[in-house]
Amino acid sequence: TAVRINLTVFFTVTGVLLILVAAGILKY
C-alpha cells in the first residue's frame, strides 16, 4: 500500500530503548 512510516524516527526510538535493554543484559 501507500503506507509509510518514518523509519528514521522508528529506528532512533527503538535504538535508544535497545541500548538500555543491552545495558541491562550486560549488567546481568
mmCIF file of all heavy atoms, coordinates in Angstrom:
data_MODEL
# 
_entry.id   MODEL 
# 
loop_
_atom_site.group_PDB 
_atom_site.id 
_atom_site.type_symbol 
_atom_site.label_atom_id 
_atom_site.label_alt_id 
_atom_site.label_comp_id 
_atom_site.label_asym_id 
_atom_site.label_entity_id 
_atom_site.label_seq_id 
_atom_site.pdbx_PDB_ins_code 
_atom_site.Cartn_x 
_atom_site.Cartn_y 
_atom_site.Cartn_z 
_atom_site.occupancy 
_atom_site.B_iso_or_equiv 
_atom_site.pdbx_formal_charge 
_atom_site.auth_seq_id 
_atom_site.auth_comp_id 
_atom_site.auth_asym_id 
_atom_site.auth_atom_id 
_atom_site.pdbx_PDB_model_num 
ATOM 1   N N   . THR A 1 1  ? 0.837  -1.192  0.000  1.00 0.00 ? 1  THR A N   1 
ATOM 2   C CA  . THR A 1 1  ? 0.000  0.000   0.000  1.00 0.00 ? 1  THR A CA  1 
ATOM 3   C C   . THR A 1 1  ? 0.876  1.248   0.000  1.00 0.00 ? 1  THR A C   1 
ATOM 4   O O   . THR A 1 1  ? 2.091  1.184   -0.120 1.00 0.00 ? 1  THR A O   1 
ATOM 5   C CB  . THR A 1 1  ? -0.931 0.031   1.229  1.00 0.00 ? 1  THR A CB  1 
ATOM 6   O OG1 . THR A 1 1  ? -0.142 0.257   2.397  1.00 0.00 ? 1  THR A OG1 1 
ATOM 7   C CG2 . THR A 1 1  ? -1.678 -1.291  1.388  1.00 0.00 ? 1  THR A CG2 1 
ATOM 8   N N   . ALA A 1 2  ? 0.225  2.372   0.156  1.00 0.00 ? 2  ALA A N   1 
ATOM 9   C CA  . ALA A 1 2  ? 0.956  3.646   0.201  1.00 0.00 ? 2  ALA A CA  1 
ATOM 10  C C   . ALA A 1 2  ? 1.353  4.017   1.626  1.00 0.00 ? 2  ALA A C   1 
ATOM 11  O O   . ALA A 1 2  ? 1.808  5.128   1.881  1.00 0.00 ? 2  ALA A O   1 
ATOM 12  C CB  . ALA A 1 2  ? 0.097  4.756   -0.405 1.00 0.00 ? 2  ALA A CB  1 
ATOM 13  N N   . VAL A 1 3  ? 1.179  3.081   2.561  1.00 0.00 ? 3  VAL A N   1 
ATOM 14  C CA  . VAL A 1 3  ? 1.503  3.384   3.956  1.00 0.00 ? 3  VAL A CA  1 
ATOM 15  C C   . VAL A 1 3  ? 3.007  3.597   4.097  1.00 0.00 ? 3  VAL A C   1 
ATOM 16  O O   . VAL A 1 3  ? 3.809  2.825   3.587  1.00 0.00 ? 3  VAL A O   1 
ATOM 17  C CB  . VAL A 1 3  ? 1.043  2.234   4.878  1.00 0.00 ? 3  VAL A CB  1 
ATOM 18  C CG1 . VAL A 1 3  ? 1.533  2.460   6.303  1.00 0.00 ? 3  VAL A CG1 1 
ATOM 19  C CG2 . VAL A 1 3  ? -0.470 2.128   4.856  1.00 0.00 ? 3  VAL A CG2 1 
ATOM 20  N N   . ARG A 1 4  ? 3.382  4.643   4.768  1.00 0.00 ? 4  ARG A N   1 
ATOM 21  C CA  . ARG A 1 4  ? 4.785  4.932   5.019  1.00 0.00 ? 4  ARG A CA  1 
ATOM 22  C C   . ARG A 1 4  ? 4.955  5.289   6.494  1.00 0.00 ? 4  ARG A C   1 
ATOM 23  O O   . ARG A 1 4  ? 4.139  6.016   7.062  1.00 0.00 ? 4  ARG A O   1 
ATOM 24  C CB  . ARG A 1 4  ? 5.276  6.105   4.155  1.00 0.00 ? 4  ARG A CB  1 
ATOM 25  C CG  . ARG A 1 4  ? 5.328  5.789   2.670  1.00 0.00 ? 4  ARG A CG  1 
ATOM 26  C CD  . ARG A 1 4  ? 6.438  4.781   2.361  1.00 0.00 ? 4  ARG A CD  1 
ATOM 27  N NE  . ARG A 1 4  ? 6.552  4.535   0.936  1.00 0.00 ? 4  ARG A NE  1 
ATOM 28  C CZ  . ARG A 1 4  ? 5.873  3.603   0.283  1.00 0.00 ? 4  ARG A CZ  1 
ATOM 29  N NH1 . ARG A 1 4  ? 5.003  2.849   0.939  1.00 0.00 ? 4  ARG A NH1 1 
ATOM 30  N NH2 . ARG A 1 4  ? 6.045  3.429   -1.013 1.00 0.00 ? 4  ARG A NH2 1 
ATOM 31  N N   . ILE A 1 5  ? 5.988  4.777   7.098  1.00 0.00 ? 5  ILE A N   1 
ATOM 32  C CA  . ILE A 1 5  ? 6.323  5.184   8.460  1.00 0.00 ? 5  ILE A CA  1 
ATOM 33  C C   . ILE A 1 5  ? 7.696  5.847   8.414  1.00 0.00 ? 5  ILE A C   1 
ATOM 34  O O   . ILE A 1 5  ? 8.510  5.568   7.532  1.00 0.00 ? 5  ILE A O   1 
ATOM 35  C CB  . ILE A 1 5  ? 6.338  3.991   9.440  1.00 0.00 ? 5  ILE A CB  1 
ATOM 36  C CG1 . ILE A 1 5  ? 7.453  2.991   9.062  1.00 0.00 ? 5  ILE A CG1 1 
ATOM 37  C CG2 . ILE A 1 5  ? 4.998  3.314   9.506  1.00 0.00 ? 5  ILE A CG2 1 
ATOM 38  C CD1 . ILE A 1 5  ? 7.627  1.883   10.076 1.00 0.00 ? 5  ILE A CD1 1 
ATOM 39  N N   . ASN A 1 6  ? 7.915  6.737   9.344  1.00 0.00 ? 6  ASN A N   1 
ATOM 40  C CA  . ASN A 1 6  ? 9.190  7.433   9.401  1.00 0.00 ? 6  ASN A CA  1 
ATOM 41  C C   . ASN A 1 6  ? 10.222 6.483   10.001 1.00 0.00 ? 6  ASN A C   1 
ATOM 42  O O   . ASN A 1 6  ? 10.329 6.327   11.214 1.00 0.00 ? 6  ASN A O   1 
ATOM 43  C CB  . ASN A 1 6  ? 9.065  8.699   10.262 1.00 0.00 ? 6  ASN A CB  1 
ATOM 44  C CG  . ASN A 1 6  ? 10.282 9.589   10.136 1.00 0.00 ? 6  ASN A CG  1 
ATOM 45  O OD1 . ASN A 1 6  ? 11.406 9.113   10.041 1.00 0.00 ? 6  ASN A OD1 1 
ATOM 46  N ND2 . ASN A 1 6  ? 10.050 10.891  10.137 1.00 0.00 ? 6  ASN A ND2 1 
ATOM 47  N N   . LEU A 1 7  ? 10.991 5.836   9.122  1.00 0.00 ? 7  LEU A N   1 
ATOM 48  C CA  . LEU A 1 7  ? 11.943 4.831   9.581  1.00 0.00 ? 7  LEU A CA  1 
ATOM 49  C C   . LEU A 1 7  ? 13.064 5.456   10.406 1.00 0.00 ? 7  LEU A C   1 
ATOM 50  O O   . LEU A 1 7  ? 13.597 4.809   11.313 1.00 0.00 ? 7  LEU A O   1 
ATOM 51  C CB  . LEU A 1 7  ? 12.529 4.081   8.383  1.00 0.00 ? 7  LEU A CB  1 
ATOM 52  C CG  . LEU A 1 7  ? 11.552 3.164   7.640  1.00 0.00 ? 7  LEU A CG  1 
ATOM 53  C CD1 . LEU A 1 7  ? 12.246 2.511   6.459  1.00 0.00 ? 7  LEU A CD1 1 
ATOM 54  C CD2 . LEU A 1 7  ? 11.004 2.098   8.575  1.00 0.00 ? 7  LEU A CD2 1 
ATOM 55  N N   . THR A 1 8  ? 13.409 6.704   10.107 1.00 0.00 ? 8  THR A N   1 
ATOM 56  C CA  . THR A 1 8  ? 14.449 7.361   10.887 1.00 0.00 ? 8  THR A CA  1 
ATOM 57  C C   . THR A 1 8  ? 14.036 7.506   12.342 1.00 0.00 ? 8  THR A C   1 
ATOM 58  O O   . THR A 1 8  ? 14.796 7.176   13.264 1.00 0.00 ? 8  THR A O   1 
ATOM 59  C CB  . THR A 1 8  ? 14.774 8.745   10.295 1.00 0.00 ? 8  THR A CB  1 
ATOM 60  O OG1 . THR A 1 8  ? 15.218 8.592   8.947  1.00 0.00 ? 8  THR A OG1 1 
ATOM 61  C CG2 . THR A 1 8  ? 15.859 9.439   11.119 1.00 0.00 ? 8  THR A CG2 1 
ATOM 62  N N   . VAL A 1 9  ? 12.796 7.970   12.548 1.00 0.00 ? 9  VAL A N   1 
ATOM 63  C CA  . VAL A 1 9  ? 12.273 8.117   13.915 1.00 0.00 ? 9  VAL A CA  1 
ATOM 64  C C   . VAL A 1 9  ? 12.126 6.749   14.565 1.00 0.00 ? 9  VAL A C   1 
ATOM 65  O O   . VAL A 1 9  ? 12.487 6.553   15.740 1.00 0.00 ? 9  VAL A O   1 
ATOM 66  C CB  . VAL A 1 9  ? 10.921 8.863   13.900 1.00 0.00 ? 9  VAL A CB  1 
ATOM 67  C CG1 . VAL A 1 9  ? 10.306 8.882   15.296 1.00 0.00 ? 9  VAL A CG1 1 
ATOM 68  C CG2 . VAL A 1 9  ? 11.105 10.291  13.386 1.00 0.00 ? 9  VAL A CG2 1 
ATOM 69  N N   . PHE A 1 10 ? 11.605 5.786   13.809 1.00 0.00 ? 10 PHE A N   1 
ATOM 70  C CA  . PHE A 1 10 ? 11.396 4.443   14.355 1.00 0.00 ? 10 PHE A CA  1 
ATOM 71  C C   . PHE A 1 10 ? 12.705 3.838   14.844 1.00 0.00 ? 10 PHE A C   1 
ATOM 72  O O   . PHE A 1 10 ? 12.799 3.346   15.976 1.00 0.00 ? 10 PHE A O   1 
ATOM 73  C CB  . PHE A 1 10 ? 10.770 3.538   13.290 1.00 0.00 ? 10 PHE A CB  1 
ATOM 74  C CG  . PHE A 1 10 ? 10.660 2.095   13.717 1.00 0.00 ? 10 PHE A CG  1 
ATOM 75  C CD1 . PHE A 1 10 ? 9.591  1.662   14.468 1.00 0.00 ? 10 PHE A CD1 1 
ATOM 76  C CD2 . PHE A 1 10 ? 11.647 1.179   13.363 1.00 0.00 ? 10 PHE A CD2 1 
ATOM 77  C CE1 . PHE A 1 10 ? 9.500  0.335   14.873 1.00 0.00 ? 10 PHE A CE1 1 
ATOM 78  C CE2 . PHE A 1 10 ? 11.556 -0.148  13.754 1.00 0.00 ? 10 PHE A CE2 1 
ATOM 79  C CZ  . PHE A 1 10 ? 10.476 -0.565  14.511 1.00 0.00 ? 10 PHE A CZ  1 
ATOM 80  N N   . PHE A 1 11 ? 13.735 3.863   14.007 1.00 0.00 ? 11 PHE A N   1 
ATOM 81  C CA  . PHE A 1 11 ? 14.998 3.246   14.382 1.00 0.00 ? 11 PHE A CA  1 
ATOM 82  C C   . PHE A 1 11 ? 15.729 4.045   15.455 1.00 0.00 ? 11 PHE A C   1 
ATOM 83  O O   . PHE A 1 11 ? 16.508 3.476   16.228 1.00 0.00 ? 11 PHE A O   1 
ATOM 84  C CB  . PHE A 1 11 ? 15.888 3.070   13.149 1.00 0.00 ? 11 PHE A CB  1 
ATOM 85  C CG  . PHE A 1 11 ? 15.461 1.932   12.265 1.00 0.00 ? 11 PHE A CG  1 
ATOM 86  C CD1 . PHE A 1 11 ? 15.147 2.144   10.938 1.00 0.00 ? 11 PHE A CD1 1 
ATOM 87  C CD2 . PHE A 1 11 ? 15.358 0.648   12.777 1.00 0.00 ? 11 PHE A CD2 1 
ATOM 88  C CE1 . PHE A 1 11 ? 14.739 1.095   10.129 1.00 0.00 ? 11 PHE A CE1 1 
ATOM 89  C CE2 . PHE A 1 11 ? 14.960 -0.411  11.973 1.00 0.00 ? 11 PHE A CE2 1 
ATOM 90  C CZ  . PHE A 1 11 ? 14.650 -0.189  10.637 1.00 0.00 ? 11 PHE A CZ  1 
ATOM 91  N N   . THR A 1 12 ? 15.468 5.351   15.550 1.00 0.00 ? 12 THR A N   1 
ATOM 92  C CA  . THR A 1 12 ? 16.072 6.139   16.619 1.00 0.00 ? 12 THR A CA  1 
ATOM 93  C C   . THR A 1 12 ? 15.461 5.780   17.964 1.00 0.00 ? 12 THR A C   1 
ATOM 94  O O   . THR A 1 12 ? 16.176 5.525   18.946 1.00 0.00 ? 12 THR A O   1 
ATOM 95  C CB  . THR A 1 12 ? 15.900 7.648   16.354 1.00 0.00 ? 12 THR A CB  1 
ATOM 96  O OG1 . THR A 1 12 ? 16.568 7.994   15.136 1.00 0.00 ? 12 THR A OG1 1 
ATOM 97  C CG2 . THR A 1 12 ? 16.484 8.462   17.500 1.00 0.00 ? 12 THR A CG2 1 
ATOM 98  N N   . VAL A 1 13 ? 14.126 5.743   18.022 1.00 0.00 ? 13 VAL A N   1 
ATOM 99  C CA  . VAL A 1 13 ? 13.436 5.434   19.284 1.00 0.00 ? 13 VAL A CA  1 
ATOM 100 C C   . VAL A 1 13 ? 13.746 4.012   19.733 1.00 0.00 ? 13 VAL A C   1 
ATOM 101 O O   . VAL A 1 13 ? 14.118 3.768   20.892 1.00 0.00 ? 13 VAL A O   1 
ATOM 102 C CB  . VAL A 1 13 ? 11.916 5.635   19.128 1.00 0.00 ? 13 VAL A CB  1 
ATOM 103 C CG1 . VAL A 1 13 ? 11.179 5.150   20.379 1.00 0.00 ? 13 VAL A CG1 1 
ATOM 104 C CG2 . VAL A 1 13 ? 11.601 7.103   18.875 1.00 0.00 ? 13 VAL A CG2 1 
ATOM 105 N N   . THR A 1 14 ? 13.591 3.051   18.817 1.00 0.00 ? 14 THR A N   1 
ATOM 106 C CA  . THR A 1 14 ? 13.871 1.660   19.190 1.00 0.00 ? 14 THR A CA  1 
ATOM 107 C C   . THR A 1 14 ? 15.351 1.470   19.485 1.00 0.00 ? 14 THR A C   1 
ATOM 108 O O   . THR A 1 14 ? 15.721 0.640   20.323 1.00 0.00 ? 14 THR A O   1 
ATOM 109 C CB  . THR A 1 14 ? 13.437 0.698   18.077 1.00 0.00 ? 14 THR A CB  1 
ATOM 110 O OG1 . THR A 1 14 ? 14.085 1.047   16.843 1.00 0.00 ? 14 THR A OG1 1 
ATOM 111 C CG2 . THR A 1 14 ? 11.931 0.730   17.890 1.00 0.00 ? 14 THR A CG2 1 
ATOM 112 N N   . GLY A 1 15 ? 16.207 2.250   18.819 1.00 0.00 ? 15 GLY A N   1 
ATOM 113 C CA  . GLY A 1 15 ? 17.637 2.155   19.098 1.00 0.00 ? 15 GLY A CA  1 
ATOM 114 C C   . GLY A 1 15 ? 17.965 2.566   20.525 1.00 0.00 ? 15 GLY A C   1 
ATOM 115 O O   . GLY A 1 15 ? 18.731 1.891   21.224 1.00 0.00 ? 15 GLY A O   1 
ATOM 116 N N   . VAL A 1 16 ? 17.380 3.666   20.971 1.00 0.00 ? 16 VAL A N   1 
ATOM 117 C CA  . VAL A 1 16 ? 17.598 4.122   22.346 1.00 0.00 ? 16 VAL A CA  1 
ATOM 118 C C   . VAL A 1 16 ? 17.101 3.077   23.342 1.00 0.00 ? 16 VAL A C   1 
ATOM 119 O O   . VAL A 1 16 ? 17.798 2.739   24.319 1.00 0.00 ? 16 VAL A O   1 
ATOM 120 C CB  . VAL A 1 16 ? 16.891 5.463   22.584 1.00 0.00 ? 16 VAL A CB  1 
ATOM 121 C CG1 . VAL A 1 16 ? 16.885 5.818   24.074 1.00 0.00 ? 16 VAL A CG1 1 
ATOM 122 C CG2 . VAL A 1 16 ? 17.568 6.577   21.794 1.00 0.00 ? 16 VAL A CG2 1 
ATOM 123 N N   . LEU A 1 17 ? 15.914 2.559   23.106 1.00 0.00 ? 17 LEU A N   1 
ATOM 124 C CA  . LEU A 1 17 ? 15.367 1.551   24.017 1.00 0.00 ? 17 LEU A CA  1 
ATOM 125 C C   . LEU A 1 17 ? 16.222 0.290   24.029 1.00 0.00 ? 17 LEU A C   1 
ATOM 126 O O   . LEU A 1 17 ? 16.467 -0.306  25.086 1.00 0.00 ? 17 LEU A O   1 
ATOM 127 C CB  . LEU A 1 17 ? 13.926 1.214   23.615 1.00 0.00 ? 17 LEU A CB  1 
ATOM 128 C CG  . LEU A 1 17 ? 12.897 2.326   23.829 1.00 0.00 ? 17 LEU A CG  1 
ATOM 129 C CD1 . LEU A 1 17 ? 11.537 1.905   23.297 1.00 0.00 ? 17 LEU A CD1 1 
ATOM 130 C CD2 . LEU A 1 17 ? 12.796 2.684   25.315 1.00 0.00 ? 17 LEU A CD2 1 
ATOM 131 N N   . LEU A 1 18 ? 16.702 -0.127  22.853 1.00 0.00 ? 18 LEU A N   1 
ATOM 132 C CA  . LEU A 1 18 ? 17.523 -1.335  22.794 1.00 0.00 ? 18 LEU A CA  1 
ATOM 133 C C   . LEU A 1 18 ? 18.890 -1.120  23.443 1.00 0.00 ? 18 LEU A C   1 
ATOM 134 O O   . LEU A 1 18 ? 19.477 -2.069  23.984 1.00 0.00 ? 18 LEU A O   1 
ATOM 135 C CB  . LEU A 1 18 ? 17.695 -1.782  21.338 1.00 0.00 ? 18 LEU A CB  1 
ATOM 136 C CG  . LEU A 1 18 ? 16.535 -2.596  20.769 1.00 0.00 ? 18 LEU A CG  1 
ATOM 137 C CD1 . LEU A 1 18 ? 16.795 -2.960  19.318 1.00 0.00 ? 18 LEU A CD1 1 
ATOM 138 C CD2 . LEU A 1 18 ? 16.302 -3.872  21.580 1.00 0.00 ? 18 LEU A CD2 1 
ATOM 139 N N   . ILE A 1 19 ? 19.410 0.084   23.402 1.00 0.00 ? 19 ILE A N   1 
ATOM 140 C CA  . ILE A 1 19 ? 20.660 0.363   24.112 1.00 0.00 ? 19 ILE A CA  1 
ATOM 141 C C   . ILE A 1 19 ? 20.465 0.168   25.614 1.00 0.00 ? 19 ILE A C   1 
ATOM 142 O O   . ILE A 1 19 ? 21.312 -0.411  26.303 1.00 0.00 ? 19 ILE A O   1 
ATOM 143 C CB  . ILE A 1 19 ? 21.150 1.788   23.804 1.00 0.00 ? 19 ILE A CB  1 
ATOM 144 C CG1 . ILE A 1 19 ? 21.679 1.864   22.361 1.00 0.00 ? 19 ILE A CG1 1 
ATOM 145 C CG2 . ILE A 1 19 ? 22.256 2.211   24.777 1.00 0.00 ? 19 ILE A CG2 1 
ATOM 146 C CD1 . ILE A 1 19 ? 21.987 3.268   21.892 1.00 0.00 ? 19 ILE A CD1 1 
ATOM 147 N N   . LEU A 1 20 ? 19.326 0.631   26.120 1.00 0.00 ? 20 LEU A N   1 
ATOM 148 C CA  . LEU A 1 20 ? 19.027 0.438   27.547 1.00 0.00 ? 20 LEU A CA  1 
ATOM 149 C C   . LEU A 1 20 ? 18.789 -1.040  27.862 1.00 0.00 ? 20 LEU A C   1 
ATOM 150 O O   . LEU A 1 20 ? 19.201 -1.526  28.922 1.00 0.00 ? 20 LEU A O   1 
ATOM 151 C CB  . LEU A 1 20 ? 17.808 1.274   27.935 1.00 0.00 ? 20 LEU A CB  1 
ATOM 152 C CG  . LEU A 1 20 ? 17.984 2.792   27.823 1.00 0.00 ? 20 LEU A CG  1 
ATOM 153 C CD1 . LEU A 1 20 ? 16.688 3.510   28.169 1.00 0.00 ? 20 LEU A CD1 1 
ATOM 154 C CD2 . LEU A 1 20 ? 19.117 3.266   28.727 1.00 0.00 ? 20 LEU A CD2 1 
ATOM 155 N N   . VAL A 1 21 ? 18.143 -1.756  26.942 1.00 0.00 ? 21 VAL A N   1 
ATOM 156 C CA  . VAL A 1 21 ? 17.975 -3.201  27.111 1.00 0.00 ? 21 VAL A CA  1 
ATOM 157 C C   . VAL A 1 21 ? 19.338 -3.885  27.124 1.00 0.00 ? 21 VAL A C   1 
ATOM 158 O O   . VAL A 1 21 ? 19.608 -4.759  27.959 1.00 0.00 ? 21 VAL A O   1 
ATOM 159 C CB  . VAL A 1 21 ? 17.089 -3.782  25.992 1.00 0.00 ? 21 VAL A CB  1 
ATOM 160 C CG1 . VAL A 1 21 ? 17.116 -5.314  26.017 1.00 0.00 ? 21 VAL A CG1 1 
ATOM 161 C CG2 . VAL A 1 21 ? 15.651 -3.291  26.137 1.00 0.00 ? 21 VAL A CG2 1 
ATOM 162 N N   . ALA A 1 22 ? 20.213 -3.495  26.202 1.00 0.00 ? 22 ALA A N   1 
ATOM 163 C CA  . ALA A 1 22 ? 21.546 -4.093  26.125 1.00 0.00 ? 22 ALA A CA  1 
ATOM 164 C C   . ALA A 1 22 ? 22.342 -3.803  27.397 1.00 0.00 ? 22 ALA A C   1 
ATOM 165 O O   . ALA A 1 22 ? 23.099 -4.653  27.872 1.00 0.00 ? 22 ALA A O   1 
ATOM 166 C CB  . ALA A 1 22 ? 22.288 -3.554  24.902 1.00 0.00 ? 22 ALA A CB  1 
ATOM 167 N N   . ALA A 1 23 ? 22.182 -2.601  27.945 1.00 0.00 ? 23 ALA A N   1 
ATOM 168 C CA  . ALA A 1 23 ? 22.868 -2.275  29.200 1.00 0.00 ? 23 ALA A CA  1 
ATOM 169 C C   . ALA A 1 23 ? 22.403 -3.200  30.315 1.00 0.00 ? 23 ALA A C   1 
ATOM 170 O O   . ALA A 1 23 ? 23.212 -3.656  31.143 1.00 0.00 ? 23 ALA A O   1 
ATOM 171 C CB  . ALA A 1 23 ? 22.607 -0.810  29.572 1.00 0.00 ? 23 ALA A CB  1 
ATOM 172 N N   . GLY A 1 24 ? 21.093 -3.500  30.327 1.00 0.00 ? 24 GLY A N   1 
ATOM 173 C CA  . GLY A 1 24 ? 20.573 -4.435  31.317 1.00 0.00 ? 24 GLY A CA  1 
ATOM 174 C C   . GLY A 1 24 ? 21.101 -5.848  31.100 1.00 0.00 ? 24 GLY A C   1 
ATOM 175 O O   . GLY A 1 24 ? 21.393 -6.568  32.059 1.00 0.00 ? 24 GLY A O   1 
ATOM 176 N N   . ILE A 1 25 ? 21.230 -6.256  29.836 1.00 0.00 ? 25 ILE A N   1 
ATOM 177 C CA  . ILE A 1 25 ? 21.784 -7.583  29.533 1.00 0.00 ? 25 ILE A CA  1 
ATOM 178 C C   . ILE A 1 25 ? 23.241 -7.658  29.986 1.00 0.00 ? 25 ILE A C   1 
ATOM 179 O O   . ILE A 1 25 ? 23.686 -8.671  30.542 1.00 0.00 ? 25 ILE A O   1 
ATOM 180 C CB  . ILE A 1 25 ? 21.665 -7.885  28.025 1.00 0.00 ? 25 ILE A CB  1 
ATOM 181 C CG1 . ILE A 1 25 ? 20.188 -8.022  27.631 1.00 0.00 ? 25 ILE A CG1 1 
ATOM 182 C CG2 . ILE A 1 25 ? 22.424 -9.158  27.659 1.00 0.00 ? 25 ILE A CG2 1 
ATOM 183 C CD1 . ILE A 1 25 ? 19.976 -8.196  26.138 1.00 0.00 ? 25 ILE A CD1 1 
ATOM 184 N N   . LEU A 1 26 ? 23.999 -6.583  29.738 1.00 0.00 ? 26 LEU A N   1 
ATOM 185 C CA  . LEU A 1 26 ? 25.394 -6.551  30.174 1.00 0.00 ? 26 LEU A CA  1 
ATOM 186 C C   . LEU A 1 26 ? 25.473 -6.630  31.698 1.00 0.00 ? 26 LEU A C   1 
ATOM 187 O O   . LEU A 1 26 ? 26.342 -7.329  32.246 1.00 0.00 ? 26 LEU A O   1 
ATOM 188 C CB  . LEU A 1 26 ? 26.062 -5.268  29.685 1.00 0.00 ? 26 LEU A CB  1 
ATOM 189 C CG  . LEU A 1 26 ? 27.533 -5.084  30.090 1.00 0.00 ? 26 LEU A CG  1 
ATOM 190 C CD1 . LEU A 1 26 ? 28.396 -6.206  29.531 1.00 0.00 ? 26 LEU A CD1 1 
ATOM 191 C CD2 . LEU A 1 26 ? 28.050 -3.724  29.624 1.00 0.00 ? 26 LEU A CD2 1 
ATOM 192 N N   . LYS A 1 27 ? 24.600 -5.912  32.372 1.00 0.00 ? 27 LYS A N   1 
ATOM 193 C CA  . LYS A 1 27 ? 24.548 -5.964  33.837 1.00 0.00 ? 27 LYS A CA  1 
ATOM 194 C C   . LYS A 1 27 ? 24.296 -7.392  34.310 1.00 0.00 ? 27 LYS A C   1 
ATOM 195 O O   . LYS A 1 27 ? 24.947 -7.870  35.251 1.00 0.00 ? 27 LYS A O   1 
ATOM 196 C CB  . LYS A 1 27 ? 23.447 -5.026  34.337 1.00 0.00 ? 27 LYS A CB  1 
ATOM 197 C CG  . LYS A 1 27 ? 23.160 -5.082  35.829 1.00 0.00 ? 27 LYS A CG  1 
ATOM 198 C CD  . LYS A 1 27 ? 22.136 -4.039  36.202 1.00 0.00 ? 27 LYS A CD  1 
ATOM 199 C CE  . LYS A 1 27 ? 21.656 -4.206  37.629 1.00 0.00 ? 27 LYS A CE  1 
ATOM 200 N NZ  . LYS A 1 27 ? 20.779 -5.379  37.797 1.00 0.00 ? 27 LYS A NZ  1 
ATOM 201 N N   . TYR A 1 28 ? 23.394 -8.083  33.646 1.00 0.00 ? 28 TYR A N   1 
ATOM 202 C CA  . TYR A 1 28 ? 23.116 -9.473  34.020 1.00 0.00 ? 28 TYR A CA  1 
ATOM 203 C C   . TYR A 1 28 ? 24.317 -10.361 33.721 1.00 0.00 ? 28 TYR A C   1 
ATOM 204 O O   . TYR A 1 28 ? 24.635 -11.279 34.482 1.00 0.00 ? 28 TYR A O   1 
ATOM 205 C CB  . TYR A 1 28 ? 21.885 -9.986  33.268 1.00 0.00 ? 28 TYR A CB  1 
ATOM 206 C CG  . TYR A 1 28 ? 21.372 -11.305 33.786 1.00 0.00 ? 28 TYR A CG  1 
ATOM 207 C CD1 . TYR A 1 28 ? 20.423 -11.349 34.801 1.00 0.00 ? 28 TYR A CD1 1 
ATOM 208 C CD2 . TYR A 1 28 ? 21.850 -12.516 33.286 1.00 0.00 ? 28 TYR A CD2 1 
ATOM 209 C CE1 . TYR A 1 28 ? 19.961 -12.552 35.300 1.00 0.00 ? 28 TYR A CE1 1 
ATOM 210 C CE2 . TYR A 1 28 ? 21.394 -13.715 33.776 1.00 0.00 ? 28 TYR A CE2 1 
ATOM 211 C CZ  . TYR A 1 28 ? 20.447 -13.738 34.778 1.00 0.00 ? 28 TYR A CZ  1 
ATOM 212 O OH  . TYR A 1 28 ? 20.005 -14.939 35.276 1.00 0.00 ? 28 TYR A OH  1 
# 
